[in-house]
């Protein structure tokens, strides 16, 4: 489901990943839990970006700011990080459609001749998946639970900031 273009949400929380690749679906798990917890949101747009990052063409105009929740390759598994906007390698990139988010956002805004919305990427570190499987490891499940708590507090307090909490480590993986 694509956001109604007439609606301008205060914040979009977008889960990025592939649930068929186990821990790579961490961002999707966060958004799914938030959808269960807050089924009638009117100021927050909750969406999963599962396959094609160019779907952002339809999503970017829908909100003033975005938090992208994604799995990123890094050690130790289950660490919460704020990812640099300079670009990231996907933890699991089985096709050419899996371009890095910063590049896609910049290029789509340039094509639209729009300013970039305020955004950040909150990551959960994972091992690079080497086979298909559903479900999260214990460490990633715990990180997902922590992210759901943090984002729930923000939603309930109407804190639309995209800044990651200070406890998150800065992560550069370019």
N, C-alpha and C. Protein backbone atom coordinates (compact mmCIF):
# COMPACT_ATOMS: atom_id res chain seq x y z
N UNK A 1 0.84 -1.18 0.00
CA UNK A 1 0.00 0.00 0.00
C UNK A 1 0.88 1.24 0.00
N UNK A 2 0.68 2.12 -0.93
CA UNK A 2 1.44 3.36 -1.04
C UNK A 2 0.69 4.46 -0.30
N UNK A 3 1.45 5.36 0.31
CA UNK A 3 0.83 6.46 1.06
C UNK A 3 -0.04 7.31 0.14
N UNK A 4 -1.16 7.76 0.66
CA UNK A 4 -2.03 8.68 -0.07
C UNK A 4 -1.28 9.99 -0.24
N UNK A 5 -1.07 10.41 -1.47
CA UNK A 5 -0.25 11.58 -1.76
C UNK A 5 -0.86 12.88 -1.22
N UNK A 6 -2.14 12.87 -0.84
CA UNK A 6 -2.76 14.08 -0.29
C UNK A 6 -2.45 14.23 1.19
N UNK A 7 -1.94 13.20 1.81
CA UNK A 7 -1.66 13.22 3.24
C UNK A 7 -0.19 13.54 3.45
N UNK A 8 0.08 14.43 4.35
CA UNK A 8 1.46 14.70 4.71
C UNK A 8 1.63 14.30 6.17
N UNK A 9 2.29 13.18 6.39
CA UNK A 9 2.53 12.68 7.74
C UNK A 9 3.66 13.47 8.38
N UNK A 10 3.67 13.51 9.69
CA UNK A 10 4.75 14.16 10.41
C UNK A 10 6.04 13.34 10.33
N UNK A 11 5.87 12.02 10.34
CA UNK A 11 7.02 11.13 10.36
C UNK A 11 6.69 9.85 9.63
N UNK A 12 7.60 9.38 8.82
CA UNK A 12 7.51 8.06 8.20
C UNK A 12 8.54 7.15 8.85
N UNK A 13 8.11 5.99 9.31
CA UNK A 13 9.03 4.98 9.82
C UNK A 13 8.97 3.84 8.81
N UNK A 14 10.08 3.62 8.13
CA UNK A 14 10.12 2.70 7.01
C UNK A 14 11.06 1.54 7.35
N UNK A 15 10.52 0.34 7.38
CA UNK A 15 11.33 -0.85 7.60
C UNK A 15 11.91 -1.30 6.27
N UNK A 16 13.21 -1.57 6.25
CA UNK A 16 13.89 -1.97 5.03
C UNK A 16 14.48 -3.36 5.25
N UNK A 17 14.21 -4.27 4.31
CA UNK A 17 14.82 -5.58 4.45
C UNK A 17 14.05 -6.67 3.76
N UNK A 18 14.54 -7.88 3.95
CA UNK A 18 13.93 -9.05 3.34
C UNK A 18 13.76 -10.10 4.43
N UNK A 19 12.52 -10.37 4.81
CA UNK A 19 12.24 -11.32 5.88
C UNK A 19 12.61 -12.75 5.50
N UNK A 20 12.78 -13.03 4.21
CA UNK A 20 13.20 -14.36 3.78
C UNK A 20 14.69 -14.59 4.02
N UNK A 21 15.40 -13.54 4.39
CA UNK A 21 16.83 -13.65 4.66
C UNK A 21 17.11 -13.51 6.15
N UNK A 22 16.19 -14.01 6.97
CA UNK A 22 16.40 -14.04 8.42
C UNK A 22 16.57 -12.66 9.02
N UNK A 23 17.74 -12.43 9.62
CA UNK A 23 18.00 -11.18 10.32
C UNK A 23 17.91 -9.94 9.43
N UNK A 24 18.01 -10.11 8.11
CA UNK A 24 17.89 -8.95 7.22
C UNK A 24 16.50 -8.33 7.32
N UNK A 25 15.54 -9.06 7.86
CA UNK A 25 14.18 -8.53 8.03
C UNK A 25 13.97 -7.79 9.33
N UNK A 26 15.03 -7.41 10.03
CA UNK A 26 14.89 -6.72 11.32
C UNK A 26 14.08 -5.44 11.21
N UNK A 27 14.35 -4.63 10.19
CA UNK A 27 13.61 -3.37 10.01
C UNK A 27 12.13 -3.62 9.76
N UNK A 28 11.83 -4.67 8.97
CA UNK A 28 10.44 -5.03 8.71
C UNK A 28 9.75 -5.48 10.00
N UNK A 29 10.48 -6.24 10.84
CA UNK A 29 9.92 -6.71 12.11
C UNK A 29 9.56 -5.54 13.01
N UNK A 30 10.42 -4.51 13.04
CA UNK A 30 10.13 -3.32 13.85
C UNK A 30 8.83 -2.67 13.38
N UNK A 31 8.71 -2.43 12.09
CA UNK A 31 7.51 -1.77 11.56
C UNK A 31 6.27 -2.63 11.76
N UNK A 32 6.39 -3.94 11.58
CA UNK A 32 5.23 -4.81 11.81
C UNK A 32 4.75 -4.74 13.25
N UNK A 33 5.68 -4.71 14.19
CA UNK A 33 5.30 -4.59 15.61
C UNK A 33 4.65 -3.24 15.89
N UNK A 34 5.17 -2.17 15.29
CA UNK A 34 4.58 -0.84 15.49
C UNK A 34 3.17 -0.78 14.88
N UNK A 35 2.96 -1.43 13.74
CA UNK A 35 1.63 -1.47 13.13
C UNK A 35 0.63 -2.18 14.04
N UNK A 36 1.07 -3.25 14.70
CA UNK A 36 0.20 -3.96 15.65
C UNK A 36 -0.12 -3.08 16.86
N UNK A 37 0.88 -2.38 17.33
CA UNK A 37 0.74 -1.56 18.55
C UNK A 37 -0.04 -0.28 18.31
N UNK A 38 0.09 0.30 17.11
CA UNK A 38 -0.55 1.57 16.77
C UNK A 38 -1.33 1.43 15.46
N UNK A 39 -2.46 0.71 15.47
CA UNK A 39 -3.15 0.43 14.21
C UNK A 39 -3.86 1.63 13.58
N UNK A 40 -4.05 2.70 14.32
CA UNK A 40 -4.83 3.82 13.78
C UNK A 40 -4.05 5.13 13.78
N UNK A 41 -2.81 5.07 13.35
CA UNK A 41 -1.97 6.27 13.32
C UNK A 41 -2.45 7.23 12.23
N UNK A 42 -2.48 8.52 12.56
CA UNK A 42 -2.83 9.51 11.55
C UNK A 42 -1.67 10.46 11.26
N UNK A 43 -0.68 10.51 12.14
CA UNK A 43 0.45 11.42 11.93
C UNK A 43 1.76 10.69 11.65
N UNK A 44 1.75 9.36 11.75
CA UNK A 44 2.94 8.54 11.49
C UNK A 44 2.61 7.57 10.35
N UNK A 45 3.49 7.51 9.36
CA UNK A 45 3.33 6.57 8.26
C UNK A 45 4.26 5.39 8.51
N UNK A 46 3.69 4.20 8.67
CA UNK A 46 4.45 2.98 8.89
C UNK A 46 4.40 2.14 7.62
N UNK A 47 5.57 1.79 7.09
CA UNK A 47 5.59 1.07 5.81
C UNK A 47 6.84 0.19 5.74
N UNK A 48 6.71 -0.94 5.07
CA UNK A 48 7.84 -1.82 4.83
C UNK A 48 8.28 -1.72 3.37
N UNK A 49 9.54 -1.48 3.19
CA UNK A 49 10.17 -1.42 1.88
C UNK A 49 10.95 -2.73 1.75
N UNK A 50 10.36 -3.69 1.02
CA UNK A 50 10.91 -5.04 1.04
C UNK A 50 11.74 -5.40 -0.18
N UNK A 51 11.51 -4.81 -1.32
CA UNK A 51 12.24 -5.27 -2.49
C UNK A 51 12.88 -4.15 -3.29
N UNK A 52 12.14 -3.17 -3.68
CA UNK A 52 12.62 -2.18 -4.63
C UNK A 52 12.74 -0.81 -3.99
N UNK A 53 13.97 -0.30 -3.77
CA UNK A 53 14.12 1.01 -3.14
C UNK A 53 13.55 2.15 -3.99
N UNK A 54 13.31 1.91 -5.28
CA UNK A 54 12.72 2.96 -6.11
C UNK A 54 11.25 3.20 -5.75
N UNK A 55 10.69 2.32 -4.93
CA UNK A 55 9.35 2.55 -4.37
C UNK A 55 9.34 3.84 -3.55
N UNK A 56 10.51 4.30 -3.14
CA UNK A 56 10.61 5.56 -2.41
C UNK A 56 10.07 6.74 -3.21
N UNK A 57 10.02 6.62 -4.52
CA UNK A 57 9.45 7.68 -5.36
C UNK A 57 8.05 8.04 -4.86
N UNK A 58 7.26 7.05 -4.50
CA UNK A 58 5.90 7.27 -4.02
C UNK A 58 5.86 7.61 -2.54
N UNK A 59 6.86 7.19 -1.79
CA UNK A 59 6.85 7.35 -0.34
C UNK A 59 7.40 8.71 0.10
N UNK A 60 8.46 9.18 -0.52
CA UNK A 60 9.13 10.40 -0.05
C UNK A 60 8.21 11.62 0.07
N UNK A 61 7.26 11.84 -0.84
CA UNK A 61 6.40 13.01 -0.68
C UNK A 61 5.37 12.89 0.45
N UNK A 62 5.28 11.72 1.08
CA UNK A 62 4.21 11.49 2.05
C UNK A 62 4.50 11.99 3.46
N UNK A 63 5.76 12.30 3.78
CA UNK A 63 6.08 12.70 5.15
C UNK A 63 7.12 13.80 5.16
N UNK A 64 7.16 14.53 6.27
CA UNK A 64 8.13 15.61 6.43
C UNK A 64 9.52 15.08 6.77
N UNK A 65 9.54 13.94 7.45
CA UNK A 65 10.81 13.36 7.88
C UNK A 65 10.66 11.84 7.96
N UNK A 66 11.81 11.15 7.90
CA UNK A 66 11.80 9.69 7.87
C UNK A 66 12.86 9.08 8.76
N UNK A 67 12.51 7.96 9.37
CA UNK A 67 13.47 7.07 10.01
C UNK A 67 13.39 5.76 9.22
N UNK A 68 14.50 5.37 8.62
CA UNK A 68 14.60 4.09 7.93
C UNK A 68 15.25 3.12 8.89
N UNK A 69 14.59 1.99 9.15
CA UNK A 69 15.12 0.98 10.06
C UNK A 69 15.60 -0.17 9.19
N UNK A 70 16.89 -0.47 9.28
CA UNK A 70 17.50 -1.43 8.36
C UNK A 70 18.49 -2.32 9.10
N UNK A 71 18.75 -3.49 8.52
CA UNK A 71 19.82 -4.36 8.99
C UNK A 71 21.08 -4.00 8.21
N UNK A 72 22.20 -3.92 8.92
CA UNK A 72 23.46 -3.60 8.26
C UNK A 72 24.51 -4.63 8.69
N UNK A 73 25.40 -4.95 7.78
CA UNK A 73 26.45 -5.92 8.08
C UNK A 73 27.43 -5.32 9.08
N UNK A 74 27.59 -5.98 10.22
CA UNK A 74 28.51 -5.48 11.24
C UNK A 74 28.56 -6.39 12.45
N UNK A 75 29.58 -6.21 13.23
CA UNK A 75 29.79 -7.00 14.44
C UNK A 75 29.82 -6.07 15.64
N UNK A 76 29.45 -6.50 16.79
CA UNK A 76 28.75 -7.74 17.07
C UNK A 76 27.30 -7.65 16.58
N UNK A 77 26.69 -8.81 16.35
CA UNK A 77 25.30 -8.89 15.90
C UNK A 77 24.39 -8.31 16.99
N UNK A 78 23.40 -7.50 16.56
CA UNK A 78 22.41 -6.95 17.49
C UNK A 78 22.75 -5.58 18.04
N UNK A 79 23.81 -4.96 17.53
CA UNK A 79 24.19 -3.62 17.97
C UNK A 79 23.28 -2.60 17.31
N UNK A 80 22.86 -1.56 18.02
CA UNK A 80 22.04 -0.48 17.45
C UNK A 80 22.96 0.64 17.00
N UNK A 81 22.78 1.05 15.74
CA UNK A 81 23.68 2.04 15.16
C UNK A 81 22.89 3.07 14.36
N UNK A 82 23.45 4.27 14.26
CA UNK A 82 22.94 5.27 13.33
C UNK A 82 23.91 5.26 12.15
N UNK A 83 23.38 5.05 10.96
CA UNK A 83 24.20 4.85 9.78
C UNK A 83 24.50 6.18 9.11
N UNK A 84 25.73 6.34 8.68
CA UNK A 84 26.15 7.54 7.96
C UNK A 84 25.31 7.74 6.71
N UNK A 85 25.04 8.98 6.38
CA UNK A 85 24.27 9.30 5.17
C UNK A 85 25.11 9.23 3.91
N UNK A 86 26.40 8.95 4.04
CA UNK A 86 27.25 8.90 2.85
C UNK A 86 27.02 7.65 2.02
N UNK A 87 26.34 6.69 2.57
CA UNK A 87 26.08 5.47 1.81
C UNK A 87 26.39 4.25 2.64
N UNK A 88 25.67 3.18 2.37
CA UNK A 88 25.91 1.94 3.09
C UNK A 88 25.79 0.78 2.12
N UNK A 89 26.49 -0.29 2.46
CA UNK A 89 26.29 -1.54 1.74
C UNK A 89 25.16 -2.28 2.42
N UNK A 90 24.25 -2.81 1.64
CA UNK A 90 23.19 -3.63 2.20
C UNK A 90 23.82 -4.86 2.83
N UNK A 91 23.23 -5.33 3.92
CA UNK A 91 23.73 -6.55 4.56
C UNK A 91 23.51 -7.75 3.67
N UNK A 92 22.45 -7.70 2.86
CA UNK A 92 22.15 -8.82 1.96
C UNK A 92 21.59 -8.23 0.69
N UNK A 93 22.35 -8.29 -0.37
CA UNK A 93 21.95 -7.65 -1.62
C UNK A 93 21.94 -8.67 -2.76
N UNK A 94 20.84 -9.42 -2.90
CA UNK A 94 20.82 -10.46 -3.92
C UNK A 94 20.55 -9.97 -5.33
N UNK A 95 20.23 -8.69 -5.53
CA UNK A 95 19.95 -8.21 -6.87
C UNK A 95 20.40 -6.77 -7.02
N UNK A 96 20.38 -6.29 -8.24
CA UNK A 96 20.78 -4.90 -8.49
C UNK A 96 19.76 -3.91 -7.97
N UNK A 97 18.57 -4.37 -7.58
CA UNK A 97 17.56 -3.45 -7.06
C UNK A 97 17.90 -2.96 -5.67
N UNK A 98 18.84 -3.58 -5.01
CA UNK A 98 19.16 -3.21 -3.64
C UNK A 98 20.27 -2.17 -3.59
N UNK A 99 19.96 -0.97 -4.06
CA UNK A 99 20.90 0.14 -4.00
C UNK A 99 20.87 0.73 -2.60
N UNK A 100 21.90 1.47 -2.25
CA UNK A 100 21.91 2.05 -0.91
C UNK A 100 20.92 3.20 -0.81
N UNK A 101 20.28 3.34 0.35
CA UNK A 101 19.22 4.34 0.56
C UNK A 101 19.68 5.77 0.35
N UNK A 102 20.84 6.19 0.88
CA UNK A 102 21.23 7.58 0.67
C UNK A 102 21.28 7.97 -0.80
N UNK A 103 21.83 7.10 -1.63
CA UNK A 103 21.92 7.38 -3.06
C UNK A 103 20.53 7.48 -3.68
N UNK A 104 19.66 6.53 -3.35
CA UNK A 104 18.30 6.53 -3.91
C UNK A 104 17.56 7.80 -3.50
N UNK A 105 17.62 8.17 -2.24
CA UNK A 105 16.91 9.37 -1.75
C UNK A 105 17.41 10.61 -2.47
N UNK A 106 18.73 10.77 -2.54
CA UNK A 106 19.30 11.94 -3.22
C UNK A 106 18.86 12.02 -4.69
N UNK A 107 18.95 10.90 -5.39
CA UNK A 107 18.61 10.91 -6.81
C UNK A 107 17.12 11.14 -7.06
N UNK A 108 16.27 10.52 -6.26
CA UNK A 108 14.82 10.71 -6.45
C UNK A 108 14.41 12.15 -6.14
N UNK A 109 14.98 12.74 -5.11
CA UNK A 109 14.67 14.15 -4.81
C UNK A 109 15.17 15.05 -5.92
N UNK A 110 16.33 14.74 -6.48
CA UNK A 110 16.86 15.52 -7.59
C UNK A 110 15.91 15.42 -8.80
N UNK A 111 15.43 14.21 -9.11
CA UNK A 111 14.49 14.02 -10.22
C UNK A 111 13.18 14.77 -10.00
N UNK A 112 12.71 14.78 -8.75
CA UNK A 112 11.46 15.48 -8.42
C UNK A 112 11.67 16.99 -8.32
N UNK A 113 12.93 17.40 -8.29
CA UNK A 113 13.28 18.79 -8.05
C UNK A 113 12.72 19.26 -6.70
N UNK A 114 12.81 18.35 -5.72
CA UNK A 114 12.38 18.61 -4.35
C UNK A 114 13.60 18.64 -3.44
N UNK A 115 13.43 19.31 -2.30
CA UNK A 115 14.45 19.22 -1.27
C UNK A 115 14.32 17.86 -0.60
N UNK A 116 15.45 17.35 -0.11
CA UNK A 116 15.40 16.09 0.63
C UNK A 116 14.64 16.31 1.93
N UNK A 117 13.79 15.36 2.30
CA UNK A 117 13.19 15.46 3.63
C UNK A 117 14.27 15.20 4.68
N UNK A 118 13.99 15.53 5.90
CA UNK A 118 14.88 15.19 7.00
C UNK A 118 14.80 13.68 7.19
N UNK A 119 15.93 13.00 7.31
CA UNK A 119 15.89 11.54 7.44
C UNK A 119 17.14 11.01 8.10
N UNK A 120 17.02 9.78 8.62
CA UNK A 120 18.19 9.06 9.14
C UNK A 120 17.93 7.57 9.01
N UNK A 121 19.01 6.81 9.12
CA UNK A 121 18.92 5.36 9.08
C UNK A 121 19.34 4.83 10.44
N UNK A 122 18.43 4.08 11.05
CA UNK A 122 18.74 3.40 12.29
C UNK A 122 18.98 1.94 11.93
N UNK A 123 20.11 1.41 12.32
CA UNK A 123 20.46 0.06 11.92
C UNK A 123 20.59 -0.91 13.08
N UNK A 124 20.43 -2.17 12.74
CA UNK A 124 20.73 -3.29 13.63
C UNK A 124 21.81 -4.08 12.92
N UNK A 125 22.93 -4.30 13.58
CA UNK A 125 24.02 -5.04 12.94
C UNK A 125 23.68 -6.53 12.89
N UNK A 126 24.02 -7.13 11.73
CA UNK A 126 23.79 -8.56 11.52
C UNK A 126 24.98 -9.15 10.77
N UNK A 127 25.09 -10.47 10.84
CA UNK A 127 26.02 -11.17 9.95
C UNK A 127 25.38 -11.20 8.57
N UNK A 128 26.19 -11.19 7.54
CA UNK A 128 25.66 -11.29 6.18
C UNK A 128 25.02 -12.66 6.02
N UNK A 129 23.72 -12.71 5.68
CA UNK A 129 23.06 -14.01 5.51
C UNK A 129 23.69 -14.81 4.37
N UNK A 130 23.85 -16.11 4.60
CA UNK A 130 24.41 -16.95 3.54
C UNK A 130 23.40 -17.95 3.00
N UNK A 131 22.16 -17.88 3.50
CA UNK A 131 21.08 -18.73 2.99
C UNK A 131 19.73 -18.12 3.38
N UNK A 132 18.69 -18.58 2.73
CA UNK A 132 17.35 -18.09 3.04
C UNK A 132 16.79 -18.82 4.25
N UNK A 133 16.17 -18.05 5.14
CA UNK A 133 15.48 -18.60 6.30
C UNK A 133 14.67 -17.47 6.90
N UNK A 134 13.56 -17.80 7.49
CA UNK A 134 12.75 -16.79 8.15
C UNK A 134 13.05 -16.79 9.63
N UNK A 135 12.78 -15.67 10.29
CA UNK A 135 12.99 -15.57 11.73
C UNK A 135 14.25 -14.81 12.07
N UNK A 136 14.28 -14.30 13.29
CA UNK A 136 15.39 -13.50 13.78
C UNK A 136 16.19 -14.27 14.82
N UNK A 137 17.49 -14.04 14.86
CA UNK A 137 18.31 -14.61 15.93
C UNK A 137 17.94 -13.93 17.24
N UNK A 138 18.35 -14.51 18.36
CA UNK A 138 18.03 -13.96 19.67
C UNK A 138 18.57 -12.54 19.83
N UNK A 139 19.81 -12.30 19.39
CA UNK A 139 20.41 -10.96 19.54
C UNK A 139 19.68 -9.92 18.71
N UNK A 140 19.28 -10.27 17.50
CA UNK A 140 18.57 -9.32 16.64
C UNK A 140 17.14 -9.12 17.14
N UNK A 141 16.51 -10.18 17.62
CA UNK A 141 15.17 -10.06 18.20
C UNK A 141 15.19 -9.08 19.37
N UNK A 142 16.21 -9.18 20.23
CA UNK A 142 16.34 -8.26 21.37
C UNK A 142 16.52 -6.81 20.89
N UNK A 143 17.32 -6.61 19.85
CA UNK A 143 17.51 -5.26 19.30
C UNK A 143 16.21 -4.74 18.71
N UNK A 144 15.44 -5.59 18.04
CA UNK A 144 14.15 -5.19 17.49
C UNK A 144 13.22 -4.75 18.62
N UNK A 145 13.18 -5.50 19.70
CA UNK A 145 12.34 -5.14 20.84
C UNK A 145 12.74 -3.77 21.41
N UNK A 146 14.04 -3.52 21.50
CA UNK A 146 14.53 -2.23 22.00
C UNK A 146 14.10 -1.11 21.05
N UNK A 147 14.24 -1.32 19.75
CA UNK A 147 13.83 -0.30 18.78
C UNK A 147 12.32 -0.04 18.86
N UNK A 148 11.53 -1.07 19.03
CA UNK A 148 10.08 -0.89 19.15
C UNK A 148 9.76 -0.04 20.39
N UNK A 149 10.46 -0.29 21.49
CA UNK A 149 10.24 0.51 22.71
C UNK A 149 10.61 1.98 22.46
N UNK A 150 11.77 2.21 21.88
CA UNK A 150 12.24 3.58 21.63
C UNK A 150 11.26 4.31 20.70
N UNK A 151 10.88 3.66 19.61
CA UNK A 151 9.99 4.31 18.65
C UNK A 151 8.58 4.46 19.22
N UNK A 152 8.13 3.54 20.04
CA UNK A 152 6.82 3.67 20.69
C UNK A 152 6.78 4.89 21.60
N UNK A 153 7.85 5.09 22.35
CA UNK A 153 7.92 6.28 23.21
C UNK A 153 7.87 7.55 22.39
N UNK A 154 8.57 7.56 21.26
CA UNK A 154 8.54 8.74 20.40
C UNK A 154 7.14 8.97 19.83
N UNK A 155 6.50 7.91 19.38
CA UNK A 155 5.15 8.04 18.82
C UNK A 155 4.19 8.56 19.89
N UNK A 156 4.24 7.98 21.07
CA UNK A 156 3.32 8.38 22.14
C UNK A 156 3.55 9.82 22.60
N UNK A 157 4.79 10.28 22.57
CA UNK A 157 5.10 11.64 23.00
C UNK A 157 5.06 12.64 21.84
N UNK A 158 4.75 12.15 20.63
CA UNK A 158 4.72 12.98 19.43
C UNK A 158 6.07 13.65 19.16
N UNK A 159 7.14 12.92 19.48
CA UNK A 159 8.50 13.37 19.19
C UNK A 159 8.83 12.88 17.79
N UNK A 160 8.84 13.78 16.82
CA UNK A 160 9.04 13.41 15.42
C UNK A 160 10.49 13.56 14.97
N UNK A 161 11.40 13.67 15.90
CA UNK A 161 12.81 13.80 15.57
C UNK A 161 13.32 12.53 14.90
N UNK A 162 14.21 12.68 13.94
CA UNK A 162 14.83 11.52 13.29
C UNK A 162 16.18 11.20 13.91
N UNK A 163 16.62 12.02 14.84
CA UNK A 163 17.91 11.78 15.49
C UNK A 163 17.86 10.49 16.28
N UNK A 164 18.87 9.67 16.11
CA UNK A 164 18.95 8.44 16.89
C UNK A 164 19.33 8.78 18.33
N UNK A 165 18.90 7.96 19.28
CA UNK A 165 19.30 8.18 20.67
C UNK A 165 20.82 8.20 20.80
N UNK A 166 21.32 8.89 21.80
CA UNK A 166 22.77 9.02 21.97
C UNK A 166 23.44 7.68 22.26
N UNK A 167 22.69 6.69 22.73
CA UNK A 167 23.26 5.37 22.99
C UNK A 167 23.62 4.62 21.71
N UNK A 168 23.06 5.05 20.56
CA UNK A 168 23.40 4.39 19.29
C UNK A 168 24.82 4.77 18.90
N UNK A 169 25.54 3.81 18.36
CA UNK A 169 26.87 4.09 17.85
C UNK A 169 26.76 4.65 16.44
N UNK A 170 27.69 5.50 16.06
CA UNK A 170 27.76 5.97 14.68
C UNK A 170 28.39 4.86 13.85
N UNK A 171 27.80 4.59 12.72
CA UNK A 171 28.22 3.47 11.89
C UNK A 171 28.51 3.96 10.49
N UNK A 172 29.73 3.72 10.03
CA UNK A 172 30.09 4.08 8.66
C UNK A 172 30.50 2.82 7.95
N UNK A 173 29.80 2.54 6.86
CA UNK A 173 30.06 1.33 6.09
C UNK A 173 29.90 1.69 4.63
N UNK A 174 30.87 2.40 4.11
CA UNK A 174 30.74 2.90 2.73
C UNK A 174 31.57 2.08 1.77
